[in-house]
Amino acid sequence: MSSTAQSRAAVASALLREAGLLLHRTGLFRLLEERFGKVKITGSAGYDLMVWRDIDIHMPVEAAGWADWAYLGSEIARQLQDCGLQLHKATYLNDYVDPHPLGAGLYWGIEFRDHDGNAWKCDLWGWDPFDFAVREARDESFKLDLSRCDRDLILRLKTEARARQDYYGVAVTSQDIYEFVIAGAGDTLDELEAWKGVAG
């Protein structure tokens, strides 16, 4: 189904509003603040560039806090249960053991459905406090770069990428799209692939 600039803007606005309400009504944001002090919403929800129900959250967590981080999974499950929801899937990683390309840290990937039956995915990252501060500063600079870009171009490319089977997150990622648009390298997914060096 084709989309228009108006419909894409409406979807992004609705999803951002849903994300905020979800974090508040489930108590997830409060739970994370209580446990880790500072909570940074980043990615598409932080940049107001949402095209699907996905939230990225970063927190400062000492590497030695891995056990508390592991326990967080059961706390989230109970938190969701207390508001009438159920945790469907949870993936735990301690990337201090085997560092992820994004860096060494702690990770929970959680998936569940809201009260309307909508599927949500939340990626929670715990970074070393110094690393977190560096990432937070870099994220603010990146957000400023994005604010100078054609917002609808980003939303259109993300929407088109998600419409292709086994493409979004495989051939291209949202980060690829952001960097491509910031670079002013084109306005199509084919150009993006070529820019990435994927095509040919």
C-alpha atoms as a PDB file:
ATOM      1  CA  MET A   1       0.000   0.000   0.000  1.00  0.00           C
ATOM      2  CA  SER A   2       1.405   3.382  -1.027  1.00  0.00           C
ATOM      3  CA  SER A   3       1.771   6.182   1.476  1.00  0.00           C
ATOM      4  CA  THR A   4       1.872   9.939   1.310  1.00  0.00           C
ATOM      5  CA  ALA A   5       3.893  12.511   3.191  1.00  0.00           C
ATOM      6  CA  GLN A   6       0.782  13.381   5.165  1.00  0.00           C
ATOM      7  CA  SER A   7       0.017   9.777   6.095  1.00  0.00           C
ATOM      8  CA  ARG A   8       3.633   9.085   7.028  1.00  0.00           C
ATOM      9  CA  ALA A   9       3.722  12.126   9.307  1.00  0.00           C
ATOM     10  CA  ALA A  10       0.433  11.070  10.891  1.00  0.00           C
ATOM     11  CA  VAL A  11       1.720   7.538  11.524  1.00  0.00           C
ATOM     12  CA  ALA A  12       4.971   8.812  13.059  1.00  0.00           C
ATOM     13  CA  SER A  13       3.062  11.201  15.317  1.00  0.00           C
ATOM     14  CA  ALA A  14       0.593   8.520  16.417  1.00  0.00           C
ATOM     15  CA  LEU A  15       3.349   5.996  17.135  1.00  0.00           C
ATOM     16  CA  LEU A  16       5.365   8.486  19.180  1.00  0.00           C
ATOM     17  CA  ARG A  17       2.283   9.306  21.236  1.00  0.00           C
ATOM     18  CA  GLU A  18       1.574   5.576  21.732  1.00  0.00           C
ATOM     19  CA  ALA A  19       5.173   4.967  22.808  1.00  0.00           C
ATOM     20  CA  GLY A  20       5.024   7.685  25.437  1.00  0.00           C
ATOM     21  CA  LEU A  21       1.721   6.434  26.799  1.00  0.00           C
ATOM     22  CA  LEU A  22       2.964   2.839  26.818  1.00  0.00           C
ATOM     23  CA  LEU A  23       6.087   3.632  28.835  1.00  0.00           C
ATOM     24  CA  HIS A  24       4.037   5.670  31.285  1.00  0.00           C
ATOM     25  CA  ARG A  25       1.032   3.383  31.686  1.00  0.00           C
ATOM     26  CA  THR A  26       3.054   0.190  32.025  1.00  0.00           C
ATOM     27  CA  GLY A  27       5.377   1.806  34.554  1.00  0.00           C
ATOM     28  CA  LEU A  28       8.387   0.616  32.548  1.00  0.00           C
ATOM     29  CA  PHE A  29       9.978   4.052  32.382  1.00  0.00           C
ATOM     30  CA  ARG A  30       9.562   4.545  36.125  1.00  0.00           C
ATOM     31  CA  LEU A  31      10.963   1.072  36.835  1.00  0.00           C
ATOM     32  CA  LEU A  32      14.082   1.757  34.767  1.00  0.00           C
ATOM     33  CA  GLU A  33      14.595   5.170  36.374  1.00  0.00           C
ATOM     34  CA  GLU A  34      14.312   3.643  39.838  1.00  0.00           C
ATOM     35  CA  ARG A  35      16.861   0.962  39.011  1.00  0.00           C
ATOM     36  CA  PHE A  36      19.407   2.922  36.977  1.00  0.00           C
ATOM     37  CA  GLY A  37      18.860   6.613  37.699  1.00  0.00           C
ATOM     38  CA  LYS A  38      18.893   7.913  34.158  1.00  0.00           C
ATOM     39  CA  VAL A  39      16.937   6.719  31.149  1.00  0.00           C
ATOM     40  CA  LYS A  40      17.607   7.915  27.603  1.00  0.00           C
ATOM     41  CA  ILE A  41      15.080   7.202  24.861  1.00  0.00           C
ATOM     42  CA  THR A  42      16.939   7.123  21.582  1.00  0.00           C
ATOM     43  CA  GLY A  43      16.528   5.670  18.103  1.00  0.00           C
ATOM     44  CA  SER A  44      13.343   6.370  16.160  1.00  0.00           C
ATOM     45  CA  ALA A  45      11.316   7.150  19.308  1.00  0.00           C
ATOM     46  CA  GLY A  46      13.972   9.615  20.458  1.00  0.00           C
ATOM     47  CA  TYR A  47      14.262  11.216  17.017  1.00  0.00           C
ATOM     48  CA  ASP A  48      10.498  11.306  16.309  1.00  0.00           C
ATOM     49  CA  LEU A  49      11.002   9.121  13.221  1.00  0.00           C
ATOM     50  CA  MET A  50       8.889   6.097  14.087  1.00  0.00           C
ATOM     51  CA  VAL A  51       7.406   3.852  11.414  1.00  0.00           C
ATOM     52  CA  TRP A  52       6.689   0.861  13.647  1.00  0.00           C
ATOM     53  CA  ARG A  53       6.307   0.043  17.349  1.00  0.00           C
ATOM     54  CA  ASP A  54       9.923  -0.101  18.416  1.00  0.00           C
ATOM     55  CA  ILE A  55      11.574   1.748  21.311  1.00  0.00           C
ATOM     56  CA  ASP A  56      15.307   1.998  22.061  1.00  0.00           C
ATOM     57  CA  ILE A  57      16.343   2.887  25.598  1.00  0.00           C
ATOM     58  CA  HIS A  58      19.854   3.420  26.981  1.00  0.00           C
ATOM     59  CA  MET A  59      20.902   3.518  30.635  1.00  0.00           C
ATOM     60  CA  PRO A  60      24.195   3.862  32.551  1.00  0.00           C
ATOM     61  CA  VAL A  61      25.042   0.520  34.159  1.00  0.00           C
ATOM     62  CA  GLU A  62      28.360  -0.560  35.623  1.00  0.00           C
ATOM     63  CA  ALA A  63      29.764  -3.724  34.067  1.00  0.00           C
ATOM     64  CA  ALA A  64      29.702  -5.289  37.536  1.00  0.00           C
ATOM     65  CA  GLY A  65      25.927  -4.771  37.603  1.00  0.00           C
ATOM     66  CA  TRP A  66      25.298  -7.651  35.195  1.00  0.00           C
ATOM     67  CA  ALA A  67      23.470  -9.713  37.832  1.00  0.00           C
ATOM     68  CA  ASP A  68      21.046  -6.874  38.605  1.00  0.00           C
ATOM     69  CA  TRP A  69      20.587  -6.452  34.866  1.00  0.00           C
ATOM     70  CA  ALA A  70      19.780 -10.148  34.495  1.00  0.00           C
ATOM     71  CA  TYR A  71      17.205  -9.869  37.302  1.00  0.00           C
ATOM     72  CA  LEU A  72      15.633  -6.932  35.471  1.00  0.00           C
ATOM     73  CA  GLY A  73      13.966  -9.403  33.104  1.00  0.00           C
ATOM     74  CA  SER A  74      11.765 -10.838  35.851  1.00  0.00           C
ATOM     75  CA  GLU A  75      11.002  -7.345  37.163  1.00  0.00           C
ATOM     76  CA  ILE A  76       9.802  -6.289  33.726  1.00  0.00           C
ATOM     77  CA  ALA A  77       7.656  -9.407  33.431  1.00  0.00           C
ATOM     78  CA  ARG A  78       5.999  -8.670  36.779  1.00  0.00           C
ATOM     79  CA  GLN A  79       5.598  -4.987  35.913  1.00  0.00           C
ATOM     80  CA  LEU A  80       3.747  -5.879  32.727  1.00  0.00           C
ATOM     81  CA  GLN A  81       1.639  -8.493  34.501  1.00  0.00           C
ATOM     82  CA  ASP A  82       0.612  -5.927  37.122  1.00  0.00           C
ATOM     83  CA  CYS A  83      -0.926  -3.767  34.389  1.00  0.00           C
ATOM     84  CA  GLY A  84      -2.672  -6.647  32.636  1.00  0.00           C
ATOM     85  CA  LEU A  85      -0.046  -7.443  29.986  1.00  0.00           C
ATOM     86  CA  GLN A  86       2.281 -10.377  29.439  1.00  0.00           C
ATOM     87  CA  LEU A  87       5.904 -10.445  28.418  1.00  0.00           C
ATOM     88  CA  HIS A  88       6.018 -12.545  25.255  1.00  0.00           C
ATOM     89  CA  LYS A  89       9.725 -12.734  24.515  1.00  0.00           C
ATOM     90  CA  ALA A  90      12.913 -11.590  26.215  1.00  0.00           C
ATOM     91  CA  THR A  91      16.505 -11.836  25.019  1.00  0.00           C
ATOM     92  CA  TYR A  92      19.357 -11.209  27.472  1.00  0.00           C
ATOM     93  CA  LEU A  93      22.931 -10.457  26.440  1.00  0.00           C
ATOM     94  CA  ASN A  94      26.036  -9.697  28.463  1.00  0.00           C
ATOM     95  CA  ASP A  95      28.207  -8.234  25.743  1.00  0.00           C
ATOM     96  CA  TYR A  96      31.032  -7.654  28.155  1.00  0.00           C
ATOM     97  CA  VAL A  97      31.656 -11.380  27.691  1.00  0.00           C
ATOM     98  CA  ASP A  98      31.685 -11.140  23.894  1.00  0.00           C
ATOM     99  CA  PRO A  99      31.475  -7.484  22.792  1.00  0.00           C
ATOM    100  CA  HIS A 100      28.774  -6.576  20.262  1.00  0.00           C
ATOM    101  CA  PRO A 101      29.836  -4.502  17.205  1.00  0.00           C
ATOM    102  CA  LEU A 102      27.963  -1.603  18.837  1.00  0.00           C
ATOM    103  CA  GLY A 103      30.172  -1.910  21.905  1.00  0.00           C
ATOM    104  CA  ALA A 104      30.450  -3.781  25.191  1.00  0.00           C
ATOM    105  CA  GLY A 105      27.333  -3.517  27.300  1.00  0.00           C
ATOM    106  CA  LEU A 106      24.248  -5.237  28.680  1.00  0.00           C
ATOM    107  CA  TYR A 107      21.098  -5.833  26.676  1.00  0.00           C
ATOM    108  CA  TRP A 108      17.483  -6.865  27.046  1.00  0.00           C
ATOM    109  CA  GLY A 109      15.289  -7.212  23.973  1.00  0.00           C
ATOM    110  CA  ILE A 110      11.660  -7.508  25.079  1.00  0.00           C
ATOM    111  CA  GLU A 111       8.521  -8.083  23.055  1.00  0.00           C
ATOM    112  CA  PHE A 112       4.895  -7.894  24.173  1.00  0.00           C
ATOM    113  CA  ARG A 113       1.452  -6.720  23.071  1.00  0.00           C
ATOM    114  CA  ASP A 114      -0.333  -3.690  24.469  1.00  0.00           C
ATOM    115  CA  HIS A 115      -3.975  -3.636  25.578  1.00  0.00           C
ATOM    116  CA  ASP A 116      -5.082  -3.052  21.984  1.00  0.00           C
ATOM    117  CA  GLY A 117      -3.189  -6.115  20.768  1.00  0.00           C
ATOM    118  CA  ASN A 118      -0.402  -4.129  19.095  1.00  0.00           C
ATOM    119  CA  ALA A 119       3.020  -5.812  19.131  1.00  0.00           C
ATOM    120  CA  TRP A 120       5.867  -3.789  20.645  1.00  0.00           C
ATOM    121  CA  LYS A 121       9.620  -4.338  20.675  1.00  0.00           C
ATOM    122  CA  CYS A 122      11.836  -2.579  23.217  1.00  0.00           C
ATOM    123  CA  ASP A 123      15.629  -2.712  23.063  1.00  0.00           C
ATOM    124  CA  LEU A 124      17.185  -1.868  26.424  1.00  0.00           C
ATOM    125  CA  TRP A 125      20.926  -1.195  26.564  1.00  0.00           C
ATOM    126  CA  GLY A 126      23.018  -0.774  29.695  1.00  0.00           C
ATOM    127  CA  TRP A 127      26.326   0.954  29.003  1.00  0.00           C
ATOM    128  CA  ASP A 128      29.272   1.697  31.255  1.00  0.00           C
ATOM    129  CA  PRO A 129      28.519   5.164  32.742  1.00  0.00           C
ATOM    130  CA  PHE A 130      31.399   6.865  30.907  1.00  0.00           C
ATOM    131  CA  ASP A 131      30.433   5.156  27.652  1.00  0.00           C
ATOM    132  CA  PHE A 132      26.812   6.151  28.264  1.00  0.00           C
ATOM    133  CA  ALA A 133      27.788   9.820  28.652  1.00  0.00           C
ATOM    134  CA  VAL A 134      29.813   9.712  25.421  1.00  0.00           C
ATOM    135  CA  ARG A 135      26.929   8.053  23.571  1.00  0.00           C
ATOM    136  CA  GLU A 136      24.442  10.560  24.979  1.00  0.00           C
ATOM    137  CA  ALA A 137      26.498  13.512  23.717  1.00  0.00           C
ATOM    138  CA  ARG A 138      26.962  11.863  20.333  1.00  0.00           C
ATOM    139  CA  ASP A 139      23.245  11.119  20.158  1.00  0.00           C
ATOM    140  CA  GLU A 140      22.336  14.768  20.760  1.00  0.00           C
ATOM    141  CA  SER A 141      24.684  15.834  17.973  1.00  0.00           C
ATOM    142  CA  PHE A 142      23.208  13.188  15.677  1.00  0.00           C
ATOM    143  CA  LYS A 143      19.689  14.350  16.498  1.00  0.00           C
ATOM    144  CA  LEU A 144      20.693  17.891  15.520  1.00  0.00           C
ATOM    145  CA  ASP A 145      22.005  16.613  12.177  1.00  0.00           C
ATOM    146  CA  LEU A 146      18.727  14.771  11.588  1.00  0.00           C
ATOM    147  CA  SER A 147      16.704  17.887  12.395  1.00  0.00           C
ATOM    148  CA  ARG A 148      18.321  19.591   9.392  1.00  0.00           C
ATOM    149  CA  CYS A 149      17.318  16.779   7.024  1.00  0.00           C
ATOM    150  CA  ASP A 150      14.226  16.089   4.941  1.00  0.00           C
ATOM    151  CA  ARG A 151      12.148  14.334   7.596  1.00  0.00           C
ATOM    152  CA  ASP A 152       9.688  12.882   5.127  1.00  0.00           C
ATOM    153  CA  LEU A 153      12.487  11.395   3.033  1.00  0.00           C
ATOM    154  CA  ILE A 154      13.640   9.461   6.089  1.00  0.00           C
ATOM    155  CA  LEU A 155      10.109   8.314   6.903  1.00  0.00           C
ATOM    156  CA  ARG A 156       9.491   7.323   3.275  1.00  0.00           C
ATOM    157  CA  LEU A 157      12.694   5.286   2.984  1.00  0.00           C
ATOM    158  CA  LYS A 158      12.014   3.551   6.290  1.00  0.00           C
ATOM    159  CA  THR A 159       8.418   2.804   5.266  1.00  0.00           C
ATOM    160  CA  GLU A 160       9.500   1.434   1.890  1.00  0.00           C
ATOM    161  CA  ALA A 161      12.275  -0.634   3.460  1.00  0.00           C
ATOM    162  CA  ARG A 162       9.864  -2.223   5.934  1.00  0.00           C
ATOM    163  CA  ALA A 163       7.479  -3.083   3.093  1.00  0.00           C
ATOM    164  CA  ARG A 164      10.140  -5.293   1.481  1.00  0.00           C
ATOM    165  CA  GLN A 165      10.355  -8.831   2.797  1.00  0.00           C
ATOM    166  CA  ASP A 166      13.553  -9.683   4.683  1.00  0.00           C
ATOM    167  CA  TYR A 167      15.013  -6.299   3.827  1.00  0.00           C
ATOM    168  CA  TYR A 168      14.703  -3.836   6.710  1.00  0.00           C
ATOM    169  CA  GLY A 169      17.311  -4.666   9.316  1.00  0.00           C
ATOM    170  CA  VAL A 170      18.932  -7.089   6.876  1.00  0.00           C
ATOM    171  CA  ALA A 171      19.945  -5.217   3.704  1.00  0.00           C
ATOM    172  CA  VAL A 172      19.576  -1.791   5.297  1.00  0.00           C
ATOM    173  CA  THR A 173      19.010  -0.541   8.818  1.00  0.00           C
ATOM    174  CA  SER A 174      17.421   2.620  10.143  1.00  0.00           C
ATOM    175  CA  GLN A 175      20.925   3.855  10.979  1.00  0.00           C
ATOM    176  CA  ASP A 176      21.931   3.351   7.338  1.00  0.00           C
ATOM    177  CA  ILE A 177      18.947   5.437   6.261  1.00  0.00           C
ATOM    178  CA  TYR A 178      19.725   8.216   8.737  1.00  0.00           C
ATOM    179  CA  GLU A 179      23.366   8.447   7.664  1.00  0.00           C
ATOM    180  CA  PHE A 180      22.437   8.242   3.959  1.00  0.00           C
ATOM    181  CA  VAL A 181      20.011  11.143   4.232  1.00  0.00           C
ATOM    182  CA  ILE A 182      22.377  13.213   6.385  1.00  0.00           C
ATOM    183  CA  ALA A 183      25.040  12.678   3.703  1.00  0.00           C
ATOM    184  CA  GLY A 184      22.628  13.853   0.996  1.00  0.00           C
ATOM    185  CA  ALA A 185      23.592  10.788  -1.017  1.00  0.00           C
ATOM    186  CA  GLY A 186      20.249  10.240  -2.766  1.00  0.00           C
ATOM    187  CA  ASP A 187      16.574   9.596  -2.238  1.00  0.00           C
ATOM    188  CA  THR A 188      15.922   5.931  -3.127  1.00  0.00           C
ATOM    189  CA  LEU A 189      16.675   2.586  -1.534  1.00  0.00           C
ATOM    190  CA  ASP A 190      18.625   1.544  -4.625  1.00  0.00           C
ATOM    191  CA  GLU A 191      20.854   4.569  -4.200  1.00  0.00           C
ATOM    192  CA  LEU A 192      21.188   3.738  -0.534  1.00  0.00           C
ATOM    193  CA  GLU A 193      22.352   0.218  -1.355  1.00  0.00           C
ATOM    194  CA  ALA A 194      24.853   1.528  -3.840  1.00  0.00           C
ATOM    195  CA  TRP A 195      26.013   4.096  -1.289  1.00  0.00           C
ATOM    196  CA  LYS A 196      26.517   1.307   1.208  1.00  0.00           C
ATOM    197  CA  GLY A 197      28.424  -0.698  -1.350  1.00  0.00           C
ATOM    198  CA  VAL A 198      25.820  -3.476  -1.209  1.00  0.00           C
ATOM    199  CA  ALA A 199      24.623  -3.332  -4.823  1.00  0.00           C
ATOM    200  CA  GLY A 200      26.817  -4.725  -7.600  1.00  0.00           C
END
